[in-house]
Amino acid sequence: MKILILGAGRVGAGLAEMLVTERNDITVVDTDHQILSSLQERLDLKTIYGSATNMSVLESAGID
């Protein structure tokens, strides 16, 4: 299943970790490069840097 998580805080990162173990296609959007890098190093997922309120960011994350 393709899942888009908006925000990589405590809840978003935990959710991403749980869903990745279930072999889902996860994309995480956040404005913190450091958190995104950390997630990408530990988990098999895609990260997008930017604001989840920006339509072009959402489109690059595959919202369609």
PDB file of N, CA and C in Angstrom:
ATOM      1  N   MET A   1       0.842  -1.158   0.000  1.00  0.00           N
ATOM      2  CA  MET A   1       0.000   0.000   0.000  1.00  0.00           C
ATOM      3  C   MET A   1       0.903   1.243   0.000  1.00  0.00           C
ATOM      4  N   LYS A   2       0.524   2.265  -0.749  1.00  0.00           N
ATOM      5  CA  LYS A   2       1.257   3.532  -0.755  1.00  0.00           C
ATOM      6  C   LYS A   2       0.686   4.420   0.343  1.00  0.00           C
ATOM      7  N   ILE A   3       1.589   4.915   1.207  1.00  0.00           N
ATOM      8  CA  ILE A   3       1.164   5.734   2.340  1.00  0.00           C
ATOM      9  C   ILE A   3       2.020   6.992   2.386  1.00  0.00           C
ATOM     10  N   LEU A   4       1.373   8.138   2.548  1.00  0.00           N
ATOM     11  CA  LEU A   4       2.041   9.424   2.668  1.00  0.00           C
ATOM     12  C   LEU A   4       1.871   9.920   4.091  1.00  0.00           C
ATOM     13  N   ILE A   5       2.987  10.171   4.776  1.00  0.00           N
ATOM     14  CA  ILE A   5       2.960  10.665   6.152  1.00  0.00           C
ATOM     15  C   ILE A   5       3.446  12.108   6.136  1.00  0.00           C
ATOM     16  N   LEU A   6       2.626  13.000   6.649  1.00  0.00           N
ATOM     17  CA  LEU A   6       2.945  14.423   6.675  1.00  0.00           C
ATOM     18  C   LEU A   6       3.420  14.787   8.071  1.00  0.00           C
ATOM     19  N   GLY A   7       4.727  14.926   8.218  1.00  0.00           N
ATOM     20  CA  GLY A   7       5.327  15.252   9.503  1.00  0.00           C
ATOM     21  C   GLY A   7       6.127  14.076  10.034  1.00  0.00           C
ATOM     22  N   ALA A   8       7.365  14.344  10.415  1.00  0.00           N
ATOM     23  CA  ALA A   8       8.270  13.288  10.895  1.00  0.00           C
ATOM     24  C   ALA A   8       8.597  13.472  12.368  1.00  0.00           C
ATOM     25  N   GLY A   9       7.652  13.988  13.108  1.00  0.00           N
ATOM     26  CA  GLY A   9       7.847  14.123  14.554  1.00  0.00           C
ATOM     27  C   GLY A   9       7.746  12.756  15.217  1.00  0.00           C
ATOM     28  N   ARG A  10       7.525  12.749  16.489  1.00  0.00           N
ATOM     29  CA  ARG A  10       7.469  11.500  17.239  1.00  0.00           C
ATOM     30  C   ARG A  10       6.397  10.547  16.687  1.00  0.00           C
ATOM     31  N   VAL A  11       5.208  11.068  16.439  1.00  0.00           N
ATOM     32  CA  VAL A  11       4.115  10.228  15.948  1.00  0.00           C
ATOM     33  C   VAL A  11       4.367   9.795  14.500  1.00  0.00           C
ATOM     34  N   GLY A  12       4.716  10.739  13.643  1.00  0.00           N
ATOM     35  CA  GLY A  12       4.951  10.419  12.233  1.00  0.00           C
ATOM     36  C   GLY A  12       6.088   9.437  12.029  1.00  0.00           C
ATOM     37  N   ALA A  13       7.201   9.636  12.740  1.00  0.00           N
ATOM     38  CA  ALA A  13       8.347   8.733  12.618  1.00  0.00           C
ATOM     39  C   ALA A  13       8.001   7.343  13.147  1.00  0.00           C
ATOM     40  N   GLY A  14       7.293   7.285  14.256  1.00  0.00           N
ATOM     41  CA  GLY A  14       6.885   5.991  14.810  1.00  0.00           C
ATOM     42  C   GLY A  14       5.940   5.250  13.884  1.00  0.00           C
ATOM     43  N   LEU A  15       5.023   5.988  13.305  1.00  0.00           N
ATOM     44  CA  LEU A  15       4.082   5.400  12.352  1.00  0.00           C
ATOM     45  C   LEU A  15       4.826   4.877  11.126  1.00  0.00           C
ATOM     46  N   ALA A  16       5.763   5.657  10.626  1.00  0.00           N
ATOM     47  CA  ALA A  16       6.551   5.236   9.465  1.00  0.00           C
ATOM     48  C   ALA A  16       7.308   3.947   9.770  1.00  0.00           C
ATOM     49  N   GLU A  17       7.933   3.886  10.926  1.00  0.00           N
ATOM     50  CA  GLU A  17       8.692   2.695  11.304  1.00  0.00           C
ATOM     51  C   GLU A  17       7.780   1.463  11.376  1.00  0.00           C
ATOM     52  N   MET A  18       6.623   1.619  11.950  1.00  0.00           N
ATOM     53  CA  MET A  18       5.692   0.506  12.069  1.00  0.00           C
ATOM     54  C   MET A  18       5.200   0.049  10.689  1.00  0.00           C
ATOM     55  N   LEU A  19       4.853   1.005   9.839  1.00  0.00           N
ATOM     56  CA  LEU A  19       4.300   0.662   8.534  1.00  0.00           C
ATOM     57  C   LEU A  19       5.341   0.097   7.576  1.00  0.00           C
ATOM     58  N   VAL A  20       6.594   0.518   7.697  1.00  0.00           N
ATOM     59  CA  VAL A  20       7.656  -0.016   6.848  1.00  0.00           C
ATOM     60  C   VAL A  20       7.855  -1.501   7.126  1.00  0.00           C
ATOM     61  N   THR A  21       7.747  -1.892   8.385  1.00  0.00           N
ATOM     62  CA  THR A  21       7.926  -3.305   8.718  1.00  0.00           C
ATOM     63  C   THR A  21       6.827  -4.176   8.118  1.00  0.00           C
ATOM     64  N   GLU A  22       5.722  -3.563   7.745  1.00  0.00           N
ATOM     65  CA  GLU A  22       4.623  -4.284   7.099  1.00  0.00           C
ATOM     66  C   GLU A  22       4.727  -4.232   5.575  1.00  0.00           C
ATOM     67  N   ARG A  23       5.903  -3.827   5.088  1.00  0.00           N
ATOM     68  CA  ARG A  23       6.219  -3.796   3.650  1.00  0.00           C
ATOM     69  C   ARG A  23       5.322  -2.843   2.848  1.00  0.00           C
ATOM     70  N   ASN A  24       5.036  -1.688   3.416  1.00  0.00           N
ATOM     71  CA  ASN A  24       4.286  -0.654   2.710  1.00  0.00           C
ATOM     72  C   ASN A  24       5.253   0.292   2.007  1.00  0.00           C
ATOM     73  N   ASP A  25       4.761   0.999   1.001  1.00  0.00           N
ATOM     74  CA  ASP A  25       5.532   2.004   0.271  1.00  0.00           C
ATOM     75  C   ASP A  25       5.292   3.348   0.959  1.00  0.00           C
ATOM     76  N   ILE A  26       6.245   3.780   1.785  1.00  0.00           N
ATOM     77  CA  ILE A  26       6.068   4.949   2.640  1.00  0.00           C
ATOM     78  C   ILE A  26       6.832   6.155   2.096  1.00  0.00           C
ATOM     79  N   THR A  27       6.179   7.312   2.097  1.00  0.00           N
ATOM     80  CA  THR A  27       6.820   8.595   1.814  1.00  0.00           C
ATOM     81  C   THR A  27       6.522   9.516   2.988  1.00  0.00           C
ATOM     82  N   VAL A  28       7.574  10.163   3.498  1.00  0.00           N
ATOM     83  CA  VAL A  28       7.439  11.078   4.640  1.00  0.00           C
ATOM     84  C   VAL A  28       7.818  12.484   4.179  1.00  0.00           C
ATOM     85  N   VAL A  29       6.974  13.462   4.490  1.00  0.00           N
ATOM     86  CA  VAL A  29       7.221  14.867   4.164  1.00  0.00           C
ATOM     87  C   VAL A  29       7.468  15.627   5.461  1.00  0.00           C
ATOM     88  N   ASP A  30       8.546  16.428   5.493  1.00  0.00           N
ATOM     89  CA  ASP A  30       8.837  17.247   6.667  1.00  0.00           C
ATOM     90  C   ASP A  30       9.771  18.378   6.261  1.00  0.00           C
ATOM     91  N   THR A  31       9.899  19.379   7.131  1.00  0.00           N
ATOM     92  CA  THR A  31      10.760  20.531   6.873  1.00  0.00           C
ATOM     93  C   THR A  31      12.086  20.445   7.617  1.00  0.00           C
ATOM     94  N   ASP A  32      12.392  19.303   8.192  1.00  0.00           N
ATOM     95  CA  ASP A  32      13.640  19.125   8.944  1.00  0.00           C
ATOM     96  C   ASP A  32      14.527  18.101   8.229  1.00  0.00           C
ATOM     97  N   HIS A  33      15.593  18.613   7.563  1.00  0.00           N
ATOM     98  CA  HIS A  33      16.503  17.737   6.823  1.00  0.00           C
ATOM     99  C   HIS A  33      17.107  16.655   7.717  1.00  0.00           C
ATOM    100  N   GLN A  34      17.471  17.025   8.918  1.00  0.00           N
ATOM    101  CA  GLN A  34      18.159  16.099   9.818  1.00  0.00           C
ATOM    102  C   GLN A  34      17.263  14.902  10.175  1.00  0.00           C
ATOM    103  N   ILE A  35      16.030  15.169  10.500  1.00  0.00           N
ATOM    104  CA  ILE A  35      15.103  14.080  10.834  1.00  0.00           C
ATOM    105  C   ILE A  35      14.860  13.189   9.621  1.00  0.00           C
ATOM    106  N   LEU A  36      14.685  13.796   8.456  1.00  0.00           N
ATOM    107  CA  LEU A  36      14.459  13.013   7.245  1.00  0.00           C
ATOM    108  C   LEU A  36      15.662  12.131   6.925  1.00  0.00           C
ATOM    109  N   SER A  37      16.860  12.678   7.070  1.00  0.00           N
ATOM    110  CA  SER A  37      18.076  11.897   6.816  1.00  0.00           C
ATOM    111  C   SER A  37      18.173  10.717   7.766  1.00  0.00           C
ATOM    112  N   SER A  38      17.864  10.965   9.027  1.00  0.00           N
ATOM    113  CA  SER A  38      17.913   9.904  10.024  1.00  0.00           C
ATOM    114  C   SER A  38      16.921   8.789   9.691  1.00  0.00           C
ATOM    115  N   LEU A  39      15.717   9.162   9.306  1.00  0.00           N
ATOM    116  CA  LEU A  39      14.709   8.163   8.937  1.00  0.00           C
ATOM    117  C   LEU A  39      15.161   7.352   7.725  1.00  0.00           C
ATOM    118  N   GLN A  40      15.700   8.043   6.736  1.00  0.00           N
ATOM    119  CA  GLN A  40      16.089   7.370   5.506  1.00  0.00           C
ATOM    120  C   GLN A  40      17.277   6.425   5.724  1.00  0.00           C
ATOM    121  N   GLU A  41      18.148   6.762   6.658  1.00  0.00           N
ATOM    122  CA  GLU A  41      19.277   5.890   6.977  1.00  0.00           C
ATOM    123  C   GLU A  41      18.813   4.605   7.660  1.00  0.00           C
ATOM    124  N   ARG A  42      17.782   4.703   8.496  1.00  0.00           N
ATOM    125  CA  ARG A  42      17.321   3.560   9.286  1.00  0.00           C
ATOM    126  C   ARG A  42      16.255   2.718   8.604  1.00  0.00           C
ATOM    127  N   LEU A  43      15.454   3.350   7.733  1.00  0.00           N
ATOM    128  CA  LEU A  43      14.286   2.673   7.174  1.00  0.00           C
ATOM    129  C   LEU A  43      14.280   2.727   5.655  1.00  0.00           C
ATOM    130  N   ASP A  44      13.603   1.782   5.053  1.00  0.00           N
ATOM    131  CA  ASP A  44      13.450   1.743   3.602  1.00  0.00           C
ATOM    132  C   ASP A  44      12.204   2.541   3.222  1.00  0.00           C
ATOM    133  N   LEU A  45      12.398   3.862   3.062  1.00  0.00           N
ATOM    134  CA  LEU A  45      11.296   4.735   2.703  1.00  0.00           C
ATOM    135  C   LEU A  45      11.814   5.924   1.916  1.00  0.00           C
ATOM    136  N   LYS A  46      10.886   6.690   1.366  1.00  0.00           N
ATOM    137  CA  LYS A  46      11.223   7.889   0.600  1.00  0.00           C
ATOM    138  C   LYS A  46      10.935   9.101   1.473  1.00  0.00           C
ATOM    139  N   THR A  47      11.792  10.118   1.396  1.00  0.00           N
ATOM    140  CA  THR A  47      11.551  11.353   2.140  1.00  0.00           C
ATOM    141  C   THR A  47      11.514  12.534   1.175  1.00  0.00           C
ATOM    142  N   ILE A  48      10.686  13.493   1.501  1.00  0.00           N
ATOM    143  CA  ILE A  48      10.559  14.726   0.732  1.00  0.00           C
ATOM    144  C   ILE A  48      10.718  15.891   1.695  1.00  0.00           C
ATOM    145  N   TYR A  49      11.647  16.798   1.376  1.00  0.00           N
ATOM    146  CA  TYR A  49      11.839  17.991   2.197  1.00  0.00           C
ATOM    147  C   TYR A  49      10.877  19.071   1.725  1.00  0.00           C
ATOM    148  N   GLY A  50      10.113  19.633   2.650  1.00  0.00           N
ATOM    149  CA  GLY A  50       9.225  20.738   2.318  1.00  0.00           C
ATOM    150  C   GLY A  50       8.022  20.769   3.242  1.00  0.00           C
ATOM    151  N   SER A  51       7.224  21.792   3.045  1.00  0.00           N
ATOM    152  CA  SER A  51       6.025  21.989   3.854  1.00  0.00           C
ATOM    153  C   SER A  51       4.851  21.194   3.278  1.00  0.00           C
ATOM    154  N   ALA A  52       4.159  20.492   4.139  1.00  0.00           N
ATOM    155  CA  ALA A  52       2.994  19.709   3.717  1.00  0.00           C
ATOM    156  C   ALA A  52       1.818  20.598   3.326  1.00  0.00           C
ATOM    157  N   THR A  53       1.938  21.905   3.511  1.00  0.00           N
ATOM    158  CA  THR A  53       0.890  22.837   3.090  1.00  0.00           C
ATOM    159  C   THR A  53       1.134  23.371   1.687  1.00  0.00           C
ATOM    160  N   ASN A  54       2.255  22.977   1.080  1.00  0.00           N
ATOM    161  CA  ASN A  54       2.622  23.435  -0.254  1.00  0.00           C
ATOM    162  C   ASN A  54       2.214  22.375  -1.278  1.00  0.00           C
ATOM    163  N   MET A  55       1.353  22.740  -2.213  1.00  0.00           N
ATOM    164  CA  MET A  55       0.826  21.779  -3.173  1.00  0.00           C
ATOM    165  C   MET A  55       1.922  21.164  -4.043  1.00  0.00           C
ATOM    166  N   SER A  56       2.931  21.918  -4.424  1.00  0.00           N
ATOM    167  CA  SER A  56       3.995  21.352  -5.256  1.00  0.00           C
ATOM    168  C   SER A  56       4.803  20.312  -4.483  1.00  0.00           C
ATOM    169  N   VAL A  57       4.978  20.506  -3.190  1.00  0.00           N
ATOM    170  CA  VAL A  57       5.653  19.521  -2.344  1.00  0.00           C
ATOM    171  C   VAL A  57       4.821  18.240  -2.289  1.00  0.00           C
ATOM    172  N   LEU A  58       3.522  18.398  -2.085  1.00  0.00           N
ATOM    173  CA  LEU A  58       2.625  17.236  -2.039  1.00  0.00           C
ATOM    174  C   LEU A  58       2.602  16.490  -3.369  1.00  0.00           C
ATOM    175  N   GLU A  59       2.626  17.227  -4.470  1.00  0.00           N
ATOM    176  CA  GLU A  59       2.652  16.586  -5.780  1.00  0.00           C
ATOM    177  C   GLU A  59       3.945  15.823  -5.995  1.00  0.00           C
ATOM    178  N   SER A  60       5.082  16.374  -5.550  1.00  0.00           N
ATOM    179  CA  SER A  60       6.346  15.646  -5.680  1.00  0.00           C
ATOM    180  C   SER A  60       6.392  14.429  -4.765  1.00  0.00           C
ATOM    181  N   ALA A  61       5.588  14.425  -3.725  1.00  0.00           N
ATOM    182  CA  ALA A  61       5.494  13.277  -2.825  1.00  0.00           C
ATOM    183  C   ALA A  61       4.541  12.219  -3.367  1.00  0.00           C
ATOM    184  N   GLY A  62       3.831  12.539  -4.436  1.00  0.00           N
ATOM    185  CA  GLY A  62       2.934  11.563  -5.062  1.00  0.00           C
ATOM    186  C   GLY A  62       1.517  11.591  -4.544  1.00  0.00           C
ATOM    187  N   ILE A  63       1.036  12.755  -4.141  1.00  0.00           N
ATOM    188  CA  ILE A  63      -0.306  12.871  -3.575  1.00  0.00           C
ATOM    189  C   ILE A  63      -1.402  12.474  -4.571  1.00  0.00           C
ATOM    190  N   ASP A  64      -1.105  12.588  -5.847  1.00  0.00           N
ATOM    191  CA  ASP A  64      -2.136  12.246  -6.841  1.00  0.00           C
ATOM    192  C   ASP A  64      -2.425  10.779  -6.797  1.00  0.00           C
TER     193      ASP A  64
END
